[in-house]
Amino acid sequence: MNWHGTQRASHRAGPARVSERLRRLAPARLVQIRLKLKHKNVLDVICAAVIGSLTQPQAIVAGLPVDGQLRIVGRSTILSTRSGRELGRQLRPAQ
């Protein structure tokens, strides 16, 4: 119960319930509800190259293996000095 004595629903109302409530509250008004759906796709990429020195890179160039070839798919934002140094400790020159 809330402070004025009515019970509160213990579950969230779905779009149909919200729509029904809005029709009862404002029957003469047209009400639009827009839902934003976000989709997330996750891909494993590799560090194909770096911008800057190998010991302290400034940015990462991301690559994705496709059909046996490395395709460049993006790059990072500028790395902080600390992040660049930490990454530089993990990197090895390509052979």
PDB file of N, CA and C in Angstrom:
ATOM      1  N   MET A   1       0.844  -1.188   0.000  1.00  0.00           N
ATOM      2  CA  MET A   1       0.000   0.000   0.000  1.00  0.00           C
ATOM      3  C   MET A   1       0.883   1.243   0.000  1.00  0.00           C
ATOM      4  N   ASN A   2       0.394   2.282  -0.683  1.00  0.00           N
ATOM      5  CA  ASN A   2       1.134   3.529  -0.641  1.00  0.00           C
ATOM      6  C   ASN A   2       0.520   4.452   0.404  1.00  0.00           C
ATOM      7  N   TRP A   3       0.982   5.677   0.479  1.00  0.00           N
ATOM      8  CA  TRP A   3       0.595   6.565   1.573  1.00  0.00           C
ATOM      9  C   TRP A   3      -0.875   6.943   1.584  1.00  0.00           C
ATOM     10  N   HIS A   4      -1.574   6.868   0.435  1.00  0.00           N
ATOM     11  CA  HIS A   4      -2.994   7.251   0.462  1.00  0.00           C
ATOM     12  C   HIS A   4      -3.912   6.027   0.442  1.00  0.00           C
ATOM     13  N   GLY A   5      -3.389   4.852   0.758  1.00  0.00           N
ATOM     14  CA  GLY A   5      -4.224   3.694   1.002  1.00  0.00           C
ATOM     15  C   GLY A   5      -4.563   2.833  -0.197  1.00  0.00           C
ATOM     16  N   THR A   6      -4.055   3.145  -1.382  1.00  0.00           N
ATOM     17  CA  THR A   6      -4.342   2.287  -2.527  1.00  0.00           C
ATOM     18  C   THR A   6      -3.181   1.337  -2.739  1.00  0.00           C
ATOM     19  N   GLN A   7      -3.495   0.206  -3.329  1.00  0.00           N
ATOM     20  CA  GLN A   7      -2.439  -0.763  -3.571  1.00  0.00           C
ATOM     21  C   GLN A   7      -1.701  -0.430  -4.859  1.00  0.00           C
ATOM     22  N   ARG A   8      -0.425  -0.670  -4.848  1.00  0.00           N
ATOM     23  CA  ARG A   8       0.413  -0.428  -6.011  1.00  0.00           C
ATOM     24  C   ARG A   8       0.696  -1.773  -6.673  1.00  0.00           C
ATOM     25  N   ALA A   9       0.657  -1.805  -7.987  1.00  0.00           N
ATOM     26  CA  ALA A   9       0.925  -3.049  -8.701  1.00  0.00           C
ATOM     27  C   ALA A   9       2.366  -3.458  -8.462  1.00  0.00           C
ATOM     28  N   SER A  10       2.583  -4.768  -8.259  1.00  0.00           N
ATOM     29  CA  SER A  10       3.927  -5.245  -7.967  1.00  0.00           C
ATOM     30  C   SER A  10       4.718  -5.537  -9.232  1.00  0.00           C
ATOM     31  N   HIS A  11       4.089  -5.434 -10.385  1.00  0.00           N
ATOM     32  CA  HIS A  11       4.797  -5.699 -11.641  1.00  0.00           C
ATOM     33  C   HIS A  11       4.677  -4.489 -12.553  1.00  0.00           C
ATOM     34  N   ARG A  12       5.574  -4.412 -13.511  1.00  0.00           N
ATOM     35  CA  ARG A  12       5.528  -3.298 -14.459  1.00  0.00           C
ATOM     36  C   ARG A  12       4.413  -3.531 -15.472  1.00  0.00           C
ATOM     37  N   ALA A  13       3.783  -2.463 -15.848  1.00  0.00           N
ATOM     38  CA  ALA A  13       2.722  -2.567 -16.842  1.00  0.00           C
ATOM     39  C   ALA A  13       3.333  -2.615 -18.232  1.00  0.00           C
ATOM     40  N   GLY A  14       2.865  -3.530 -19.051  1.00  0.00           N
ATOM     41  CA  GLY A  14       3.333  -3.625 -20.430  1.00  0.00           C
ATOM     42  C   GLY A  14       2.672  -2.551 -21.275  1.00  0.00           C
ATOM     43  N   PRO A  15       3.072  -2.436 -22.550  1.00  0.00           N
ATOM     44  CA  PRO A  15       2.522  -1.400 -23.434  1.00  0.00           C
ATOM     45  C   PRO A  15       1.007  -1.466 -23.570  1.00  0.00           C
ATOM     46  N   ALA A  16       0.426  -2.673 -23.572  1.00  0.00           N
ATOM     47  CA  ALA A  16      -1.027  -2.797 -23.702  1.00  0.00           C
ATOM     48  C   ALA A  16      -1.728  -2.216 -22.480  1.00  0.00           C
ATOM     49  N   ARG A  17      -1.177  -2.498 -21.299  1.00  0.00           N
ATOM     50  CA  ARG A  17      -1.789  -1.964 -20.075  1.00  0.00           C
ATOM     51  C   ARG A  17      -1.650  -0.449 -20.002  1.00  0.00           C
ATOM     52  N   VAL A  18      -0.491   0.061 -20.382  1.00  0.00           N
ATOM     53  CA  VAL A  18      -0.286   1.512 -20.379  1.00  0.00           C
ATOM     54  C   VAL A  18      -1.254   2.165 -21.353  1.00  0.00           C
ATOM     55  N   SER A  19      -1.383   1.580 -22.538  1.00  0.00           N
ATOM     56  CA  SER A  19      -2.285   2.120 -23.545  1.00  0.00           C
ATOM     57  C   SER A  19      -3.727   2.152 -23.021  1.00  0.00           C
ATOM     58  N   GLU A  20      -4.157   1.094 -22.384  1.00  0.00           N
ATOM     59  CA  GLU A  20      -5.516   1.035 -21.832  1.00  0.00           C
ATOM     60  C   GLU A  20      -5.712   2.098 -20.745  1.00  0.00           C
ATOM     61  N   ARG A  21      -4.733   2.267 -19.887  1.00  0.00           N
ATOM     62  CA  ARG A  21      -4.829   3.288 -18.835  1.00  0.00           C
ATOM     63  C   ARG A  21      -4.915   4.687 -19.436  1.00  0.00           C
ATOM     64  N   LEU A  22      -4.111   4.949 -20.472  1.00  0.00           N
ATOM     65  CA  LEU A  22      -4.147   6.262 -21.110  1.00  0.00           C
ATOM     66  C   LEU A  22      -5.497   6.519 -21.776  1.00  0.00           C
ATOM     67  N   ARG A  23      -6.092   5.496 -22.374  1.00  0.00           N
ATOM     68  CA  ARG A  23      -7.413   5.676 -22.988  1.00  0.00           C
ATOM     69  C   ARG A  23      -8.467   6.043 -21.943  1.00  0.00           C
ATOM     70  N   ARG A  24      -8.351   5.444 -20.769  1.00  0.00           N
ATOM     71  CA  ARG A  24      -9.314   5.773 -19.712  1.00  0.00           C
ATOM     72  C   ARG A  24      -9.084   7.172 -19.160  1.00  0.00           C
ATOM     73  N   LEU A  25      -7.818   7.584 -19.070  1.00  0.00           N
ATOM     74  CA  LEU A  25      -7.507   8.893 -18.508  1.00  0.00           C
ATOM     75  C   LEU A  25      -7.810  10.034 -19.479  1.00  0.00           C
ATOM     76  N   ALA A  26      -7.525   9.830 -20.750  1.00  0.00           N
ATOM     77  CA  ALA A  26      -7.706  10.884 -21.738  1.00  0.00           C
ATOM     78  C   ALA A  26      -8.413  10.335 -22.968  1.00  0.00           C
ATOM     79  N   PRO A  27      -9.701  10.033 -22.873  1.00  0.00           N
ATOM     80  CA  PRO A  27     -10.404   9.401 -23.995  1.00  0.00           C
ATOM     81  C   PRO A  27     -10.523  10.293 -25.226  1.00  0.00           C
ATOM     82  N   ALA A  28     -10.503  11.599 -25.075  1.00  0.00           N
ATOM     83  CA  ALA A  28     -10.703  12.488 -26.226  1.00  0.00           C
ATOM     84  C   ALA A  28      -9.392  12.846 -26.914  1.00  0.00           C
ATOM     85  N   ARG A  29      -8.275  12.450 -26.348  1.00  0.00           N
ATOM     86  CA  ARG A  29      -6.975  12.803 -26.917  1.00  0.00           C
ATOM     87  C   ARG A  29      -6.339  11.600 -27.595  1.00  0.00           C
ATOM     88  N   LEU A  30      -5.624  11.895 -28.661  1.00  0.00           N
ATOM     89  CA  LEU A  30      -4.851  10.857 -29.326  1.00  0.00           C
ATOM     90  C   LEU A  30      -3.491  10.802 -28.643  1.00  0.00           C
ATOM     91  N   VAL A  31      -3.157   9.651 -28.139  1.00  0.00           N
ATOM     92  CA  VAL A  31      -1.904   9.492 -27.414  1.00  0.00           C
ATOM     93  C   VAL A  31      -1.022   8.516 -28.179  1.00  0.00           C
ATOM     94  N   GLN A  32       0.209   8.930 -28.420  1.00  0.00           N
ATOM     95  CA  GLN A  32       1.161   8.048 -29.086  1.00  0.00           C
ATOM     96  C   GLN A  32       2.230   7.639 -28.093  1.00  0.00           C
ATOM     97  N   ILE A  33       2.545   6.368 -28.126  1.00  0.00           N
ATOM     98  CA  ILE A  33       3.618   5.850 -27.302  1.00  0.00           C
ATOM     99  C   ILE A  33       4.670   5.292 -28.245  1.00  0.00           C
ATOM    100  N   ARG A  34       5.871   5.743 -28.074  1.00  0.00           N
ATOM    101  CA  ARG A  34       6.959   5.244 -28.905  1.00  0.00           C
ATOM    102  C   ARG A  34       7.924   4.466 -28.032  1.00  0.00           C
ATOM    103  N   LEU A  35       8.221   3.273 -28.449  1.00  0.00           N
ATOM    104  CA  LEU A  35       9.184   2.447 -27.753  1.00  0.00           C
ATOM    105  C   LEU A  35      10.460   2.391 -28.575  1.00  0.00           C
ATOM    106  N   LYS A  36      11.572   2.567 -27.925  1.00  0.00           N
ATOM    107  CA  LYS A  36      12.855   2.491 -28.611  1.00  0.00           C
ATOM    108  C   LYS A  36      13.486   1.141 -28.274  1.00  0.00           C
ATOM    109  N   LEU A  37      13.704   0.350 -29.295  1.00  0.00           N
ATOM    110  CA  LEU A  37      14.320  -0.951 -29.098  1.00  0.00           C
ATOM    111  C   LEU A  37      15.774  -0.871 -29.525  1.00  0.00           C
ATOM    112  N   LYS A  38      16.653  -1.373 -28.685  1.00  0.00           N
ATOM    113  CA  LYS A  38      18.068  -1.384 -29.014  1.00  0.00           C
ATOM    114  C   LYS A  38      18.508  -2.833 -29.150  1.00  0.00           C
ATOM    115  N   HIS A  39      19.300  -3.058 -30.152  1.00  0.00           N
ATOM    116  CA  HIS A  39      19.849  -4.392 -30.377  1.00  0.00           C
ATOM    117  C   HIS A  39      21.350  -4.316 -30.216  1.00  0.00           C
ATOM    118  N   LYS A  40      21.907  -5.345 -29.656  1.00  0.00           N
ATOM    119  CA  LYS A  40      23.344  -5.365 -29.448  1.00  0.00           C
ATOM    120  C   LYS A  40      23.915  -6.602 -30.113  1.00  0.00           C
ATOM    121  N   ASN A  41      24.827  -6.392 -31.024  1.00  0.00           N
ATOM    122  CA  ASN A  41      25.560  -7.479 -31.648  1.00  0.00           C
ATOM    123  C   ASN A  41      26.987  -7.414 -31.136  1.00  0.00           C
ATOM    124  N   VAL A  42      27.523  -8.552 -30.776  1.00  0.00           N
ATOM    125  CA  VAL A  42      28.875  -8.602 -30.250  1.00  0.00           C
ATOM    126  C   VAL A  42      29.740  -9.420 -31.189  1.00  0.00           C
ATOM    127  N   LEU A  43      30.865  -8.851 -31.586  1.00  0.00           N
ATOM    128  CA  LEU A  43      31.836  -9.538 -32.427  1.00  0.00           C
ATOM    129  C   LEU A  43      33.199  -9.451 -31.750  1.00  0.00           C
ATOM    130  N   ASP A  44      33.981 -10.500 -31.856  1.00  0.00           N
ATOM    131  CA  ASP A  44      35.348 -10.464 -31.370  1.00  0.00           C
ATOM    132  C   ASP A  44      36.227  -9.904 -32.472  1.00  0.00           C
ATOM    133  N   VAL A  45      36.936  -8.845 -32.176  1.00  0.00           N
ATOM    134  CA  VAL A  45      37.852  -8.244 -33.138  1.00  0.00           C
ATOM    135  C   VAL A  45      39.266  -8.345 -32.581  1.00  0.00           C
ATOM    136  N   ILE A  46      40.239  -8.136 -33.440  1.00  0.00           N
ATOM    137  CA  ILE A  46      41.621  -8.163 -32.996  1.00  0.00           C
ATOM    138  C   ILE A  46      42.235  -6.785 -33.170  1.00  0.00           C
ATOM    139  N   CYS A  47      43.314  -6.560 -32.451  1.00  0.00           N
ATOM    140  CA  CYS A  47      44.062  -5.318 -32.622  1.00  0.00           C
ATOM    141  C   CYS A  47      44.911  -5.496 -33.868  1.00  0.00           C
ATOM    142  N   ALA A  48      44.450  -4.962 -34.977  1.00  0.00           N
ATOM    143  CA  ALA A  48      45.128  -5.137 -36.260  1.00  0.00           C
ATOM    144  C   ALA A  48      46.339  -4.227 -36.381  1.00  0.00           C
ATOM    145  N   ALA A  49      46.286  -3.076 -35.758  1.00  0.00           N
ATOM    146  CA  ALA A  49      47.382  -2.110 -35.818  1.00  0.00           C
ATOM    147  C   ALA A  49      47.184  -1.101 -34.702  1.00  0.00           C
ATOM    148  N   VAL A  50      48.192  -0.300 -34.495  1.00  0.00           N
ATOM    149  CA  VAL A  50      48.074   0.798 -33.538  1.00  0.00           C
ATOM    150  C   VAL A  50      48.491   2.080 -34.233  1.00  0.00           C
ATOM    151  N   ILE A  51      47.979   3.176 -33.732  1.00  0.00           N
ATOM    152  CA  ILE A  51      48.395   4.494 -34.181  1.00  0.00           C
ATOM    153  C   ILE A  51      49.301   5.028 -33.087  1.00  0.00           C
ATOM    154  N   GLY A  52      50.501   5.412 -33.456  1.00  0.00           N
ATOM    155  CA  GLY A  52      51.487   5.829 -32.478  1.00  0.00           C
ATOM    156  C   GLY A  52      52.543   4.751 -32.336  1.00  0.00           C
ATOM    157  N   SER A  53      53.307   4.815 -31.259  1.00  0.00           N
ATOM    158  CA  SER A  53      54.382   3.846 -31.062  1.00  0.00           C
ATOM    159  C   SER A  53      53.846   2.544 -30.493  1.00  0.00           C
ATOM    160  N   LEU A  54      54.595   1.475 -30.676  1.00  0.00           N
ATOM    161  CA  LEU A  54      54.194   0.173 -30.175  1.00  0.00           C
ATOM    162  C   LEU A  54      54.280   0.116 -28.654  1.00  0.00           C
ATOM    163  N   THR A  55      55.143   0.921 -28.066  1.00  0.00           N
ATOM    164  CA  THR A  55      55.291   0.924 -26.611  1.00  0.00           C
ATOM    165  C   THR A  55      54.237   1.785 -25.914  1.00  0.00           C
ATOM    166  N   GLN A  56      53.706   2.775 -26.628  1.00  0.00           N
ATOM    167  CA  GLN A  56      52.649   3.619 -26.057  1.00  0.00           C
ATOM    168  C   GLN A  56      51.721   4.085 -27.179  1.00  0.00           C
ATOM    169  N   PRO A  57      50.824   3.195 -27.629  1.00  0.00           N
ATOM    170  CA  PRO A  57      49.932   3.559 -28.736  1.00  0.00           C
ATOM    171  C   PRO A  57      48.941   4.649 -28.331  1.00  0.00           C
ATOM    172  N   GLN A  58      48.553   5.427 -29.326  1.00  0.00           N
ATOM    173  CA  GLN A  58      47.565   6.480 -29.093  1.00  0.00           C
ATOM    174  C   GLN A  58      46.153   6.009 -29.408  1.00  0.00           C
ATOM    175  N   ALA A  59      46.029   5.020 -30.304  1.00  0.00           N
ATOM    176  CA  ALA A  59      44.714   4.477 -30.680  1.00  0.00           C
ATOM    177  C   ALA A  59      44.910   3.063 -31.229  1.00  0.00           C
ATOM    178  N   ILE A  60      43.835   2.292 -31.227  1.00  0.00           N
ATOM    179  CA  ILE A  60      43.835   0.931 -31.737  1.00  0.00           C
ATOM    180  C   ILE A  60      43.051   0.892 -33.041  1.00  0.00           C
ATOM    181  N   VAL A  61      43.574   0.176 -34.030  1.00  0.00           N
ATOM    182  CA  VAL A  61      42.848  -0.078 -35.269  1.00  0.00           C
ATOM    183  C   VAL A  61      42.326  -1.507 -35.158  1.00  0.00           C
ATOM    184  N   ALA A  62      41.000  -1.678 -35.206  1.00  0.00           N
ATOM    185  CA  ALA A  62      40.377  -2.988 -35.000  1.00  0.00           C
ATOM    186  C   ALA A  62      40.193  -3.710 -36.328  1.00  0.00           C
ATOM    187  N   GLY A  63      40.478  -5.002 -36.311  1.00  0.00           N
ATOM    188  CA  GLY A  63      40.324  -5.822 -37.500  1.00  0.00           C
ATOM    189  C   GLY A  63      39.439  -7.020 -37.216  1.00  0.00           C
ATOM    190  N   LEU A  64      38.798  -7.518 -38.260  1.00  0.00           N
ATOM    191  CA  LEU A  64      37.904  -8.667 -38.157  1.00  0.00           C
ATOM    192  C   LEU A  64      38.282  -9.669 -39.245  1.00  0.00           C
ATOM    193  N   PRO A  65      38.622 -10.908 -38.856  1.00  0.00           N
ATOM    194  CA  PRO A  65      38.935 -11.916 -39.871  1.00  0.00           C
ATOM    195  C   PRO A  65      37.665 -12.312 -40.644  1.00  0.00           C
ATOM    196  N   VAL A  66      37.672 -12.107 -41.960  1.00  0.00           N
ATOM    197  CA  VAL A  66      36.528 -12.453 -42.814  1.00  0.00           C
ATOM    198  C   VAL A  66      37.062 -13.215 -44.024  1.00  0.00           C
ATOM    199  N   ASP A  67      36.581 -14.425 -44.213  1.00  0.00           N
ATOM    200  CA  ASP A  67      36.985 -15.258 -45.346  1.00  0.00           C
ATOM    201  C   ASP A  67      38.505 -15.363 -45.475  1.00  0.00           C
ATOM    202  N   GLY A  68      39.186 -15.542 -44.358  1.00  0.00           N
ATOM    203  CA  GLY A  68      40.628 -15.724 -44.377  1.00  0.00           C
ATOM    204  C   GLY A  68      41.440 -14.454 -44.535  1.00  0.00           C
ATOM    205  N   GLN A  69      40.790 -13.311 -44.605  1.00  0.00           N
ATOM    206  CA  GLN A  69      41.495 -12.037 -44.736  1.00  0.00           C
ATOM    207  C   GLN A  69      41.113 -11.119 -43.582  1.00  0.00           C
ATOM    208  N   LEU A  70      42.048 -10.264 -43.232  1.00  0.00           N
ATOM    209  CA  LEU A  70      41.797  -9.305 -42.160  1.00  0.00           C
ATOM    210  C   LEU A  70      41.160  -8.053 -42.740  1.00  0.00           C
ATOM    211  N   ARG A  71      39.961  -7.725 -42.273  1.00  0.00           N
ATOM    212  CA  ARG A  71      39.250  -6.513 -42.710  1.00  0.00           C
ATOM    213  C   ARG A  71      39.285  -5.492 -41.582  1.00  0.00           C
ATOM    214  N   ILE A  72      39.671  -4.291 -41.909  1.00  0.00           N
ATOM    215  CA  ILE A  72      39.677  -3.212 -40.914  1.00  0.00           C
ATOM    216  C   ILE A  72      38.226  -2.767 -40.709  1.00  0.00           C
ATOM    217  N   VAL A  73      37.792  -2.761 -39.447  1.00  0.00           N
ATOM    218  CA  VAL A  73      36.389  -2.447 -39.162  1.00  0.00           C
ATOM    219  C   VAL A  73      36.205  -1.203 -38.297  1.00  0.00           C
ATOM    220  N   GLY A  74      37.278  -0.639 -37.800  1.00  0.00           N
ATOM    221  CA  GLY A  74      37.114   0.575 -36.996  1.00  0.00           C
ATOM    222  C   GLY A  74      38.371   0.915 -36.230  1.00  0.00           C
ATOM    223  N   ARG A  75      38.252   1.927 -35.425  1.00  0.00           N
ATOM    224  CA  ARG A  75      39.369   2.340 -34.578  1.00  0.00           C
ATOM    225  C   ARG A  75      38.822   2.858 -33.261  1.00  0.00           C
ATOM    226  N   SER A  76      39.684   2.894 -32.275  1.00  0.00           N
ATOM    227  CA  SER A  76      39.273   3.380 -30.963  1.00  0.00           C
ATOM    228  C   SER A  76      39.368   4.898 -30.920  1.00  0.00           C
ATOM    229  N   THR A  77      38.887   5.438 -29.842  1.00  0.00           N
ATOM    230  CA  THR A  77      39.134   6.851 -29.573  1.00  0.00           C
ATOM    231  C   THR A  77      40.582   6.977 -29.100  1.00  0.00           C
ATOM    232  N   ILE A  78      41.034   8.169 -28.875  1.00  0.00           N
ATOM    233  CA  ILE A  78      42.393   8.383 -28.385  1.00  0.00           C
ATOM    234  C   ILE A  78      42.508   7.768 -26.987  1.00  0.00           C
ATOM    235  N   LEU A  79      43.533   6.947 -26.795  1.00  0.00           N
ATOM    236  CA  LEU A  79      43.745   6.293 -25.505  1.00  0.00           C
ATOM    237  C   LEU A  79      44.404   7.261 -24.528  1.00  0.00           C
ATOM    238  N   SER A  80      44.082   7.098 -23.269  1.00  0.00           N
ATOM    239  CA  SER A  80      44.774   7.895 -22.249  1.00  0.00           C
ATOM    240  C   SER A  80      46.224   7.424 -22.184  1.00  0.00           C
ATOM    241  N   THR A  81      47.087   8.229 -21.619  1.00  0.00           N
ATOM    242  CA  THR A  81      48.500   7.869 -21.487  1.00  0.00           C
ATOM    243  C   THR A  81      48.648   6.563 -20.718  1.00  0.00           C
ATOM    244  N   ARG A  82      47.911   6.434 -19.651  1.00  0.00           N
ATOM    245  CA  ARG A  82      47.968   5.217 -18.821  1.00  0.00           C
ATOM    246  C   ARG A  82      47.511   3.991 -19.608  1.00  0.00           C
ATOM    247  N   SER A  83      46.386   4.095 -20.301  1.00  0.00           N
ATOM    248  CA  SER A  83      45.879   2.972 -21.092  1.00  0.00           C
ATOM    249  C   SER A  83      46.842   2.601 -22.206  1.00  0.00           C
ATOM    250  N   GLY A  84      47.425   3.606 -22.851  1.00  0.00           N
ATOM    251  CA  GLY A  84      48.392   3.359 -23.916  1.00  0.00           C
ATOM    252  C   GLY A  84      49.608   2.602 -23.413  1.00  0.00           C
ATOM    253  N   ARG A  85      50.105   2.984 -22.254  1.00  0.00           N
ATOM    254  CA  ARG A  85      51.266   2.289 -21.674  1.00  0.00           C
ATOM    255  C   ARG A  85      50.917   0.853 -21.310  1.00  0.00           C
ATOM    256  N   GLU A  86      49.748   0.656 -20.691  1.00  0.00           N
ATOM    257  CA  GLU A  86      49.325  -0.695 -20.314  1.00  0.00           C
ATOM    258  C   GLU A  86      49.163  -1.581 -21.549  1.00  0.00           C
ATOM    259  N   LEU A  87      48.567  -1.047 -22.595  1.00  0.00           N
ATOM    260  CA  LEU A  87      48.408  -1.802 -23.832  1.00  0.00           C
ATOM    261  C   LEU A  87      49.759  -2.082 -24.468  1.00  0.00           C
ATOM    262  N   GLY A  88      50.652  -1.108 -24.454  1.00  0.00           N
ATOM    263  CA  GLY A  88      51.976  -1.264 -25.033  1.00  0.00           C
ATOM    264  C   GLY A  88      52.762  -2.412 -24.421  1.00  0.00           C
ATOM    265  N   ARG A  89      52.532  -2.674 -23.137  1.00  0.00           N
ATOM    266  CA  ARG A  89      53.212  -3.801 -22.467  1.00  0.00           C
ATOM    267  C   ARG A  89      52.728  -5.151 -23.000  1.00  0.00           C
ATOM    268  N   GLN A  90      51.524  -5.194 -23.562  1.00  0.00           N
ATOM    269  CA  GLN A  90      50.948  -6.443 -24.066  1.00  0.00           C
ATOM    270  C   GLN A  90      51.230  -6.696 -25.539  1.00  0.00           C
ATOM    271  N   LEU A  91      51.612  -5.672 -26.267  1.00  0.00           N
ATOM    272  CA  LEU A  91      51.776  -5.790 -27.726  1.00  0.00           C
ATOM    273  C   LEU A  91      53.143  -6.337 -28.111  1.00  0.00           C
ATOM    274  N   ARG A  92      53.156  -7.074 -29.216  1.00  0.00           N
ATOM    275  CA  ARG A  92      54.384  -7.606 -29.802  1.00  0.00           C
ATOM    276  C   ARG A  92      54.358  -7.276 -31.284  1.00  0.00           C
ATOM    277  N   PRO A  93      55.539  -7.024 -31.898  1.00  0.00           N
ATOM    278  CA  PRO A  93      55.565  -6.728 -33.334  1.00  0.00           C
ATOM    279  C   PRO A  93      55.040  -7.911 -34.145  1.00  0.00           C
ATOM    280  N   ALA A  94      54.395  -7.613 -35.260  1.00  0.00           N
ATOM    281  CA  ALA A  94      53.906  -8.660 -36.168  1.00  0.00           C
ATOM    282  C   ALA A  94      55.101  -9.357 -36.820  1.00  0.00           C
ATOM    283  N   GLN A  95      54.923 -10.620 -37.125  1.00  0.00           N
ATOM    284  CA  GLN A  95      56.025 -11.377 -37.751  1.00  0.00           C
ATOM    285  C   GLN A  95      55.664 -11.814 -39.144  1.00  0.00           C
TER     286      GLN A  95
END
